């Protein structure tokens, strides 16, 4: 028996990022509805494609790639559960 993926919500991603990185600015936007018919879309219109705008003290002195890795690491359980695409915007705040 194969279990269906447990697609994440924006609130779940926000909670995970808040816990891992204590950001000073955080916005999580579910853009899944804009990707219907694309690879990784689940046909539900939610839970697969997200945009994250984030600023966090943990990013200080790190390269953009290192900052993105911190975000991906914080969201790995959700990636494993069906999150297909993540656009990350590191902001200054």
PDB file of N, CA and C in Angstrom:
ATOM      1  N   UNK A   1       0.846  -1.182   0.000  1.00  0.00           N
ATOM      2  CA  UNK A   1       0.000   0.000   0.000  1.00  0.00           C
ATOM      3  C   UNK A   1       0.888   1.241   0.000  1.00  0.00           C
ATOM      4  N   UNK A   2       0.620   2.181  -0.911  1.00  0.00           N
ATOM      5  CA  UNK A   2       1.358   3.432  -0.989  1.00  0.00           C
ATOM      6  C   UNK A   2       0.529   4.538  -0.369  1.00  0.00           C
ATOM      7  N   UNK A   3       1.131   5.297   0.542  1.00  0.00           N
ATOM      8  CA  UNK A   3       0.433   6.404   1.167  1.00  0.00           C
ATOM      9  C   UNK A   3       0.564   7.643   0.296  1.00  0.00           C
ATOM     10  N   UNK A   4      -0.506   8.441   0.235  1.00  0.00           N
ATOM     11  CA  UNK A   4      -0.465   9.690  -0.508  1.00  0.00           C
ATOM     12  C   UNK A   4       0.414  10.687   0.228  1.00  0.00           C
ATOM     13  N   UNK A   5       1.086  11.557  -0.520  1.00  0.00           N
ATOM     14  CA  UNK A   5       1.903  12.580   0.137  1.00  0.00           C
ATOM     15  C   UNK A   5       1.054  13.465   1.037  1.00  0.00           C
ATOM     16  N   UNK A   6       1.662  13.962   2.087  1.00  0.00           N
ATOM     17  CA  UNK A   6       0.997  14.872   3.007  1.00  0.00           C
ATOM     18  C   UNK A   6       1.442  16.285   2.633  1.00  0.00           C
ATOM     19  N   UNK A   7       0.807  16.874   1.639  1.00  0.00           N
ATOM     20  CA  UNK A   7       1.227  18.163   1.110  1.00  0.00           C
ATOM     21  C   UNK A   7       1.177  19.234   2.195  1.00  0.00           C
ATOM     22  N   UNK A   8       2.213  20.065   2.269  1.00  0.00           N
ATOM     23  CA  UNK A   8       2.277  21.078   3.316  1.00  0.00           C
ATOM     24  C   UNK A   8       1.411  22.290   3.006  1.00  0.00           C
ATOM     25  N   UNK A   9       1.130  23.048   4.049  1.00  0.00           N
ATOM     26  CA  UNK A   9       0.435  24.330   3.921  1.00  0.00           C
ATOM     27  C   UNK A   9       1.443  25.446   4.176  1.00  0.00           C
ATOM     28  N   UNK A  10       1.088  26.645   3.776  1.00  0.00           N
ATOM     29  CA  UNK A  10       1.949  27.797   4.037  1.00  0.00           C
ATOM     30  C   UNK A  10       2.175  27.960   5.539  1.00  0.00           C
ATOM     31  N   UNK A  11       1.147  27.720   6.333  1.00  0.00           N
ATOM     32  CA  UNK A  11       1.281  27.849   7.797  1.00  0.00           C
ATOM     33  C   UNK A  11       2.286  26.843   8.356  1.00  0.00           C
ATOM     34  N   UNK A  12       2.284  25.629   7.837  1.00  0.00           N
ATOM     35  CA  UNK A  12       3.246  24.630   8.309  1.00  0.00           C
ATOM     36  C   UNK A  12       4.673  25.019   7.962  1.00  0.00           C
ATOM     37  N   UNK A  13       4.878  25.540   6.745  1.00  0.00           N
ATOM     38  CA  UNK A  13       6.209  25.987   6.353  1.00  0.00           C
ATOM     39  C   UNK A  13       6.640  27.175   7.213  1.00  0.00           C
ATOM     40  N   UNK A  14       5.728  28.079   7.448  1.00  0.00           N
ATOM     41  CA  UNK A  14       6.031  29.239   8.287  1.00  0.00           C
ATOM     42  C   UNK A  14       6.430  28.802   9.692  1.00  0.00           C
ATOM     43  N   UNK A  15       5.703  27.875  10.259  1.00  0.00           N
ATOM     44  CA  UNK A  15       6.026  27.365  11.601  1.00  0.00           C
ATOM     45  C   UNK A  15       7.414  26.721  11.627  1.00  0.00           C
ATOM     46  N   UNK A  16       7.741  25.938  10.615  1.00  0.00           N
ATOM     47  CA  UNK A  16       9.041  25.263  10.567  1.00  0.00           C
ATOM     48  C   UNK A  16      10.177  26.272  10.449  1.00  0.00           C
ATOM     49  N   UNK A  17      10.000  27.281   9.600  1.00  0.00           N
ATOM     50  CA  UNK A  17      11.031  28.297   9.435  1.00  0.00           C
ATOM     51  C   UNK A  17      11.181  29.155  10.685  1.00  0.00           C
ATOM     52  N   UNK A  18      10.065  29.470  11.316  1.00  0.00           N
ATOM     53  CA  UNK A  18      10.102  30.250  12.553  1.00  0.00           C
ATOM     54  C   UNK A  18      10.881  29.496  13.625  1.00  0.00           C
ATOM     55  N   UNK A  19      10.607  28.231  13.773  1.00  0.00           N
ATOM     56  CA  UNK A  19      11.267  27.420  14.803  1.00  0.00           C
ATOM     57  C   UNK A  19      12.766  27.259  14.525  1.00  0.00           C
ATOM     58  N   UNK A  20      13.125  27.071  13.267  1.00  0.00           N
ATOM     59  CA  UNK A  20      14.520  26.784  12.929  1.00  0.00           C
ATOM     60  C   UNK A  20      15.394  28.030  12.840  1.00  0.00           C
ATOM     61  N   UNK A  21      14.829  29.133  12.348  1.00  0.00           N
ATOM     62  CA  UNK A  21      15.660  30.289  12.011  1.00  0.00           C
ATOM     63  C   UNK A  21      15.316  31.576  12.752  1.00  0.00           C
ATOM     64  N   UNK A  22      14.221  31.607  13.498  1.00  0.00           N
ATOM     65  CA  UNK A  22      13.781  32.799  14.214  1.00  0.00           C
ATOM     66  C   UNK A  22      13.913  34.056  13.339  1.00  0.00           C
ATOM     67  N   UNK A  23      13.243  34.080  12.204  1.00  0.00           N
ATOM     68  CA  UNK A  23      13.404  35.190  11.267  1.00  0.00           C
ATOM     69  C   UNK A  23      12.854  36.514  11.802  1.00  0.00           C
ATOM     70  N   UNK A  24      13.444  37.609  11.310  1.00  0.00           N
ATOM     71  CA  UNK A  24      12.942  38.937  11.635  1.00  0.00           C
ATOM     72  C   UNK A  24      11.872  39.357  10.643  1.00  0.00           C
ATOM     73  N   UNK A  25      11.865  38.713   9.494  1.00  0.00           N
ATOM     74  CA  UNK A  25      10.833  38.923   8.482  1.00  0.00           C
ATOM     75  C   UNK A  25      10.561  37.583   7.829  1.00  0.00           C
ATOM     76  N   UNK A  26       9.278  37.272   7.637  1.00  0.00           N
ATOM     77  CA  UNK A  26       8.930  35.992   7.021  1.00  0.00           C
ATOM     78  C   UNK A  26       7.584  36.096   6.327  1.00  0.00           C
ATOM     79  N   UNK A  27       7.574  35.699   5.074  1.00  0.00           N
ATOM     80  CA  UNK A  27       6.345  35.610   4.299  1.00  0.00           C
ATOM     81  C   UNK A  27       6.416  34.314   3.496  1.00  0.00           C
ATOM     82  N   UNK A  28       5.391  33.484   3.623  1.00  0.00           N
ATOM     83  CA  UNK A  28       5.314  32.234   2.871  1.00  0.00           C
ATOM     84  C   UNK A  28       4.056  32.295   2.008  1.00  0.00           C
ATOM     85  N   UNK A  29       4.239  32.143   0.715  1.00  0.00           N
ATOM     86  CA  UNK A  29       3.137  32.261  -0.237  1.00  0.00           C
ATOM     87  C   UNK A  29       3.007  30.954  -1.008  1.00  0.00           C
ATOM     88  N   UNK A  30       1.806  30.390  -0.982  1.00  0.00           N
ATOM     89  CA  UNK A  30       1.532  29.179  -1.759  1.00  0.00           C
ATOM     90  C   UNK A  30       1.169  29.606  -3.182  1.00  0.00           C
ATOM     91  N   UNK A  31       2.043  29.314  -4.130  1.00  0.00           N
ATOM     92  CA  UNK A  31       1.829  29.661  -5.533  1.00  0.00           C
ATOM     93  C   UNK A  31       1.445  28.444  -6.370  1.00  0.00           C
ATOM     94  N   UNK A  32       1.031  27.393  -5.717  1.00  0.00           N
ATOM     95  CA  UNK A  32       0.738  26.130  -6.416  1.00  0.00           C
ATOM     96  C   UNK A  32      -0.300  26.299  -7.517  1.00  0.00           C
ATOM     97  N   UNK A  33      -1.303  27.131  -7.276  1.00  0.00           N
ATOM     98  CA  UNK A  33      -2.366  27.308  -8.269  1.00  0.00           C
ATOM     99  C   UNK A  33      -1.835  27.877  -9.583  1.00  0.00           C
ATOM    100  N   UNK A  34      -0.671  28.538  -9.552  1.00  0.00           N
ATOM    101  CA  UNK A  34      -0.082  29.103 -10.761  1.00  0.00           C
ATOM    102  C   UNK A  34       0.692  28.055 -11.561  1.00  0.00           C
ATOM    103  N   UNK A  35       0.824  26.866 -11.008  1.00  0.00           N
ATOM    104  CA  UNK A  35       1.643  25.832 -11.647  1.00  0.00           C
ATOM    105  C   UNK A  35       0.851  24.600 -12.049  1.00  0.00           C
ATOM    106  N   UNK A  36      -0.456  24.716 -12.109  1.00  0.00           N
ATOM    107  CA  UNK A  36      -1.279  23.588 -12.528  1.00  0.00           C
ATOM    108  C   UNK A  36      -0.832  23.107 -13.902  1.00  0.00           C
ATOM    109  N   UNK A  37      -0.659  21.826 -14.032  1.00  0.00           N
ATOM    110  CA  UNK A  37      -0.225  21.220 -15.286  1.00  0.00           C
ATOM    111  C   UNK A  37       1.282  21.137 -15.428  1.00  0.00           C
ATOM    112  N   UNK A  38       2.011  21.750 -14.504  1.00  0.00           N
ATOM    113  CA  UNK A  38       3.476  21.695 -14.546  1.00  0.00           C
ATOM    114  C   UNK A  38       3.964  20.481 -13.759  1.00  0.00           C
ATOM    115  N   UNK A  39       5.218  20.170 -13.935  1.00  0.00           N
ATOM    116  CA  UNK A  39       5.827  19.076 -13.182  1.00  0.00           C
ATOM    117  C   UNK A  39       5.688  19.340 -11.689  1.00  0.00           C
ATOM    118  N   UNK A  40       5.327  18.324 -10.964  1.00  0.00           N
ATOM    119  CA  UNK A  40       5.225  18.421  -9.514  1.00  0.00           C
ATOM    120  C   UNK A  40       3.888  18.918  -9.002  1.00  0.00           C
ATOM    121  N   UNK A  41       3.037  19.444  -9.873  1.00  0.00           N
ATOM    122  CA  UNK A  41       1.714  19.895  -9.435  1.00  0.00           C
ATOM    123  C   UNK A  41       0.886  18.676  -9.055  1.00  0.00           C
ATOM    124  N   UNK A  42       0.068  18.836  -8.035  1.00  0.00           N
ATOM    125  CA  UNK A  42      -0.699  17.700  -7.534  1.00  0.00           C
ATOM    126  C   UNK A  42      -2.154  17.697  -7.988  1.00  0.00           C
ATOM    127  N   UNK A  43      -2.561  18.704  -8.761  1.00  0.00           N
ATOM    128  CA  UNK A  43      -3.947  18.772  -9.218  1.00  0.00           C
ATOM    129  C   UNK A  43      -4.894  19.360  -8.195  1.00  0.00           C
ATOM    130  N   UNK A  44      -4.393  19.702  -7.005  1.00  0.00           N
ATOM    131  CA  UNK A  44      -5.227  20.265  -5.957  1.00  0.00           C
ATOM    132  C   UNK A  44      -5.169  21.788  -5.935  1.00  0.00           C
ATOM    133  N   UNK A  45      -4.116  22.354  -6.513  1.00  0.00           N
ATOM    134  CA  UNK A  45      -3.955  23.797  -6.521  1.00  0.00           C
ATOM    135  C   UNK A  45      -3.314  24.361  -5.268  1.00  0.00           C
ATOM    136  N   UNK A  46      -2.770  23.480  -4.439  1.00  0.00           N
ATOM    137  CA  UNK A  46      -2.074  23.931  -3.225  1.00  0.00           C
ATOM    138  C   UNK A  46      -1.055  22.878  -2.798  1.00  0.00           C
ATOM    139  N   UNK A  47      -0.066  23.317  -2.009  1.00  0.00           N
ATOM    140  CA  UNK A  47       0.826  22.379  -1.346  1.00  0.00           C
ATOM    141  C   UNK A  47       2.064  21.913  -2.090  1.00  0.00           C
ATOM    142  N   UNK A  48       2.334  22.456  -3.293  1.00  0.00           N
ATOM    143  CA  UNK A  48       3.488  21.953  -4.036  1.00  0.00           C
ATOM    144  C   UNK A  48       4.515  23.020  -4.407  1.00  0.00           C
ATOM    145  N   UNK A  49       4.083  24.245  -4.634  1.00  0.00           N
ATOM    146  CA  UNK A  49       4.965  25.328  -5.092  1.00  0.00           C
ATOM    147  C   UNK A  49       4.817  26.534  -4.156  1.00  0.00           C
ATOM    148  N   UNK A  50       5.925  26.926  -3.530  1.00  0.00           N
ATOM    149  CA  UNK A  50       5.875  28.025  -2.564  1.00  0.00           C
ATOM    150  C   UNK A  50       6.959  29.050  -2.844  1.00  0.00           C
ATOM    151  N   UNK A  51       6.694  30.272  -2.399  1.00  0.00           N
ATOM    152  CA  UNK A  51       7.684  31.347  -2.379  1.00  0.00           C
ATOM    153  C   UNK A  51       7.884  31.747  -0.923  1.00  0.00           C
ATOM    154  N   UNK A  52       9.147  31.882  -0.524  1.00  0.00           N
ATOM    155  CA  UNK A  52       9.489  32.290   0.842  1.00  0.00           C
ATOM    156  C   UNK A  52      10.312  33.567   0.758  1.00  0.00           C
ATOM    157  N   UNK A  53       9.856  34.595   1.460  1.00  0.00           N
ATOM    158  CA  UNK A  53      10.631  35.834   1.633  1.00  0.00           C
ATOM    159  C   UNK A  53      11.037  35.864   3.094  1.00  0.00           C
ATOM    160  N   UNK A  54      12.345  35.916   3.335  1.00  0.00           N
ATOM    161  CA  UNK A  54      12.820  35.726   4.697  1.00  0.00           C
ATOM    162  C   UNK A  54      14.082  36.544   4.977  1.00  0.00           C
ATOM    163  N   UNK A  55      14.155  37.057   6.189  1.00  0.00           N
ATOM    164  CA  UNK A  55      15.370  37.676   6.725  1.00  0.00           C
ATOM    165  C   UNK A  55      15.576  37.059   8.103  1.00  0.00           C
ATOM    166  N   UNK A  56      16.817  36.712   8.423  1.00  0.00           N
ATOM    167  CA  UNK A  56      17.094  36.075   9.709  1.00  0.00           C
ATOM    168  C   UNK A  56      18.520  36.376  10.149  1.00  0.00           C
ATOM    169  N   UNK A  57      18.727  36.540  11.452  1.00  0.00           N
ATOM    170  CA  UNK A  57      20.082  36.744  11.961  1.00  0.00           C
ATOM    171  C   UNK A  57      21.029  35.596  11.572  1.00  0.00           C
ATOM    172  N   UNK A  58      20.500  34.409  11.406  1.00  0.00           N
ATOM    173  CA  UNK A  58      21.323  33.245  11.049  1.00  0.00           C
ATOM    174  C   UNK A  58      21.991  33.410   9.691  1.00  0.00           C
ATOM    175  N   UNK A  59      21.519  34.351   8.869  1.00  0.00           N
ATOM    176  CA  UNK A  59      22.079  34.565   7.541  1.00  0.00           C
ATOM    177  C   UNK A  59      23.299  35.492   7.548  1.00  0.00           C
ATOM    178  N   UNK A  60      23.542  36.155   8.667  1.00  0.00           N
ATOM    179  CA  UNK A  60      24.626  37.149   8.738  1.00  0.00           C
ATOM    180  C   UNK A  60      25.964  36.525   8.352  1.00  0.00           C
ATOM    181  N   UNK A  61      26.641  37.160   7.404  1.00  0.00           N
ATOM    182  CA  UNK A  61      27.961  36.714   6.983  1.00  0.00           C
ATOM    183  C   UNK A  61      27.982  35.497   6.093  1.00  0.00           C
ATOM    184  N   UNK A  62      26.816  34.984   5.715  1.00  0.00           N
ATOM    185  CA  UNK A  62      26.747  33.775   4.883  1.00  0.00           C
ATOM    186  C   UNK A  62      26.483  34.136   3.426  1.00  0.00           C
ATOM    187  N   UNK A  63      26.926  33.292   2.540  1.00  0.00           N
ATOM    188  CA  UNK A  63      26.626  33.467   1.120  1.00  0.00           C
ATOM    189  C   UNK A  63      25.150  33.179   0.871  1.00  0.00           C
ATOM    190  N   UNK A  64      24.676  33.622  -0.282  1.00  0.00           N
ATOM    191  CA  UNK A  64      23.276  33.358  -0.654  1.00  0.00           C
ATOM    192  C   UNK A  64      23.017  31.850  -0.683  1.00  0.00           C
ATOM    193  N   UNK A  65      23.964  31.094  -1.209  1.00  0.00           N
ATOM    194  CA  UNK A  65      23.805  29.640  -1.262  1.00  0.00           C
ATOM    195  C   UNK A  65      23.703  29.059   0.150  1.00  0.00           C
ATOM    196  N   UNK A  66      24.524  29.508   1.066  1.00  0.00           N
ATOM    197  CA  UNK A  66      24.472  29.014   2.449  1.00  0.00           C
ATOM    198  C   UNK A  66      23.141  29.378   3.109  1.00  0.00           C
ATOM    199  N   UNK A  67      22.629  30.573   2.825  1.00  0.00           N
ATOM    200  CA  UNK A  67      21.322  30.978   3.375  1.00  0.00           C
ATOM    201  C   UNK A  67      20.217  30.088   2.825  1.00  0.00           C
ATOM    202  N   UNK A  68      20.255  29.824   1.537  1.00  0.00           N
ATOM    203  CA  UNK A  68      19.248  28.953   0.926  1.00  0.00           C
ATOM    204  C   UNK A  68      19.327  27.549   1.524  1.00  0.00           C
ATOM    205  N   UNK A  69      20.533  27.065   1.786  1.00  0.00           N
ATOM    206  CA  UNK A  69      20.702  25.739   2.371  1.00  0.00           C
ATOM    207  C   UNK A  69      20.039  25.681   3.749  1.00  0.00           C
ATOM    208  N   UNK A  70      20.166  26.745   4.544  1.00  0.00           N
ATOM    209  CA  UNK A  70      19.516  26.782   5.864  1.00  0.00           C
ATOM    210  C   UNK A  70      17.998  26.675   5.724  1.00  0.00           C
ATOM    211  N   UNK A  71      17.449  27.357   4.723  1.00  0.00           N
ATOM    212  CA  UNK A  71      16.002  27.296   4.496  1.00  0.00           C
ATOM    213  C   UNK A  71      15.604  25.885   4.063  1.00  0.00           C
ATOM    214  N   UNK A  72      16.334  25.325   3.099  1.00  0.00           N
ATOM    215  CA  UNK A  72      16.032  23.964   2.644  1.00  0.00           C
ATOM    216  C   UNK A  72      16.153  22.953   3.792  1.00  0.00           C
ATOM    217  N   UNK A  73      17.170  23.103   4.612  1.00  0.00           N
ATOM    218  CA  UNK A  73      17.340  22.180   5.739  1.00  0.00           C
ATOM    219  C   UNK A  73      16.152  22.258   6.687  1.00  0.00           C
ATOM    220  N   UNK A  74      15.670  23.470   6.944  1.00  0.00           N
ATOM    221  CA  UNK A  74      14.519  23.651   7.843  1.00  0.00           C
ATOM    222  C   UNK A  74      13.248  23.031   7.264  1.00  0.00           C
ATOM    223  N   UNK A  75      13.162  22.984   5.942  1.00  0.00           N
ATOM    224  CA  UNK A  75      11.938  22.492   5.291  1.00  0.00           C
ATOM    225  C   UNK A  75      12.061  21.084   4.729  1.00  0.00           C
ATOM    226  N   UNK A  76      13.161  20.402   4.989  1.00  0.00           N
ATOM    227  CA  UNK A  76      13.383  19.072   4.422  1.00  0.00           C
ATOM    228  C   UNK A  76      12.238  18.084   4.680  1.00  0.00           C
ATOM    229  N   UNK A  77      11.685  18.040   5.891  1.00  0.00           N
ATOM    230  CA  UNK A  77      10.565  17.105   6.097  1.00  0.00           C
ATOM    231  C   UNK A  77       9.385  17.392   5.157  1.00  0.00           C
ATOM    232  N   UNK A  78       9.172  18.654   4.837  1.00  0.00           N
ATOM    233  CA  UNK A  78       8.084  19.011   3.921  1.00  0.00           C
ATOM    234  C   UNK A  78       8.455  18.693   2.474  1.00  0.00           C
ATOM    235  N   UNK A  79       9.742  18.821   2.139  1.00  0.00           N
ATOM    236  CA  UNK A  79      10.192  18.425   0.806  1.00  0.00           C
ATOM    237  C   UNK A  79       9.952  16.920   0.620  1.00  0.00           C
ATOM    238  N   UNK A  80      10.240  16.171   1.664  1.00  0.00           N
ATOM    239  CA  UNK A  80      10.048  14.720   1.617  1.00  0.00           C
ATOM    240  C   UNK A  80       8.576  14.341   1.510  1.00  0.00           C
ATOM    241  N   UNK A  81       7.681  15.249   1.942  1.00  0.00           N
ATOM    242  CA  UNK A  81       6.252  14.951   1.981  1.00  0.00           C
ATOM    243  C   UNK A  81       5.482  15.477   0.770  1.00  0.00           C
ATOM    244  N   UNK A  82       6.165  16.080  -0.213  1.00  0.00           N
ATOM    245  CA  UNK A  82       5.448  16.496  -1.406  1.00  0.00           C
ATOM    246  C   UNK A  82       5.690  17.918  -1.860  1.00  0.00           C
ATOM    247  N   UNK A  83       6.375  18.732  -1.076  1.00  0.00           N
ATOM    248  CA  UNK A  83       6.737  20.076  -1.520  1.00  0.00           C
ATOM    249  C   UNK A  83       7.670  19.919  -2.711  1.00  0.00           C
ATOM    250  N   UNK A  84       7.277  20.466  -3.858  1.00  0.00           N
ATOM    251  CA  UNK A  84       8.023  20.236  -5.097  1.00  0.00           C
ATOM    252  C   UNK A  84       8.980  21.377  -5.438  1.00  0.00           C
ATOM    253  N   UNK A  85       8.527  22.620  -5.269  1.00  0.00           N
ATOM    254  CA  UNK A  85       9.342  23.758  -5.690  1.00  0.00           C
ATOM    255  C   UNK A  85       9.290  24.855  -4.649  1.00  0.00           C
ATOM    256  N   UNK A  86      10.437  25.499  -4.471  1.00  0.00           N
ATOM    257  CA  UNK A  86      10.565  26.538  -3.461  1.00  0.00           C
ATOM    258  C   UNK A  86      11.393  27.681  -4.031  1.00  0.00           C
ATOM    259  N   UNK A  87      10.773  28.853  -4.138  1.00  0.00           N
ATOM    260  CA  UNK A  87      11.484  30.064  -4.535  1.00  0.00           C
ATOM    261  C   UNK A  87      11.834  30.797  -3.240  1.00  0.00           C
ATOM    262  N   UNK A  88      13.111  31.085  -3.060  1.00  0.00           N
ATOM    263  CA  UNK A  88      13.575  31.717  -1.829  1.00  0.00           C
ATOM    264  C   UNK A  88      14.102  33.108  -2.142  1.00  0.00           C
ATOM    265  N   UNK A  89      13.578  34.096  -1.422  1.00  0.00           N
ATOM    266  CA  UNK A  89      14.055  35.468  -1.521  1.00  0.00           C
ATOM    267  C   UNK A  89      14.614  35.864  -0.157  1.00  0.00           C
ATOM    268  N   UNK A  90      15.911  36.093  -0.086  1.00  0.00           N
ATOM    269  CA  UNK A  90      16.554  36.547   1.148  1.00  0.00           C
ATOM    270  C   UNK A  90      16.440  38.068   1.157  1.00  0.00           C
ATOM    271  N   UNK A  91      15.835  38.612   2.193  1.00  0.00           N
ATOM    272  CA  UNK A  91      15.631  40.050   2.276  1.00  0.00           C
ATOM    273  C   UNK A  91      16.498  40.645   3.383  1.00  0.00           C
ATOM    274  N   UNK A  92      16.623  41.946   3.360  1.00  0.00           N
ATOM    275  CA  UNK A  92      17.385  42.655   4.394  1.00  0.00           C
ATOM    276  C   UNK A  92      16.420  43.290   5.374  1.00  0.00           C
ATOM    277  N   UNK A  93      16.322  42.755   6.545  1.00  0.00           N
ATOM    278  CA  UNK A  93      15.515  43.326   7.624  1.00  0.00           C
ATOM    279  C   UNK A  93      15.891  42.685   8.917  1.00  0.00           C
TER     280      UNK A  93
END
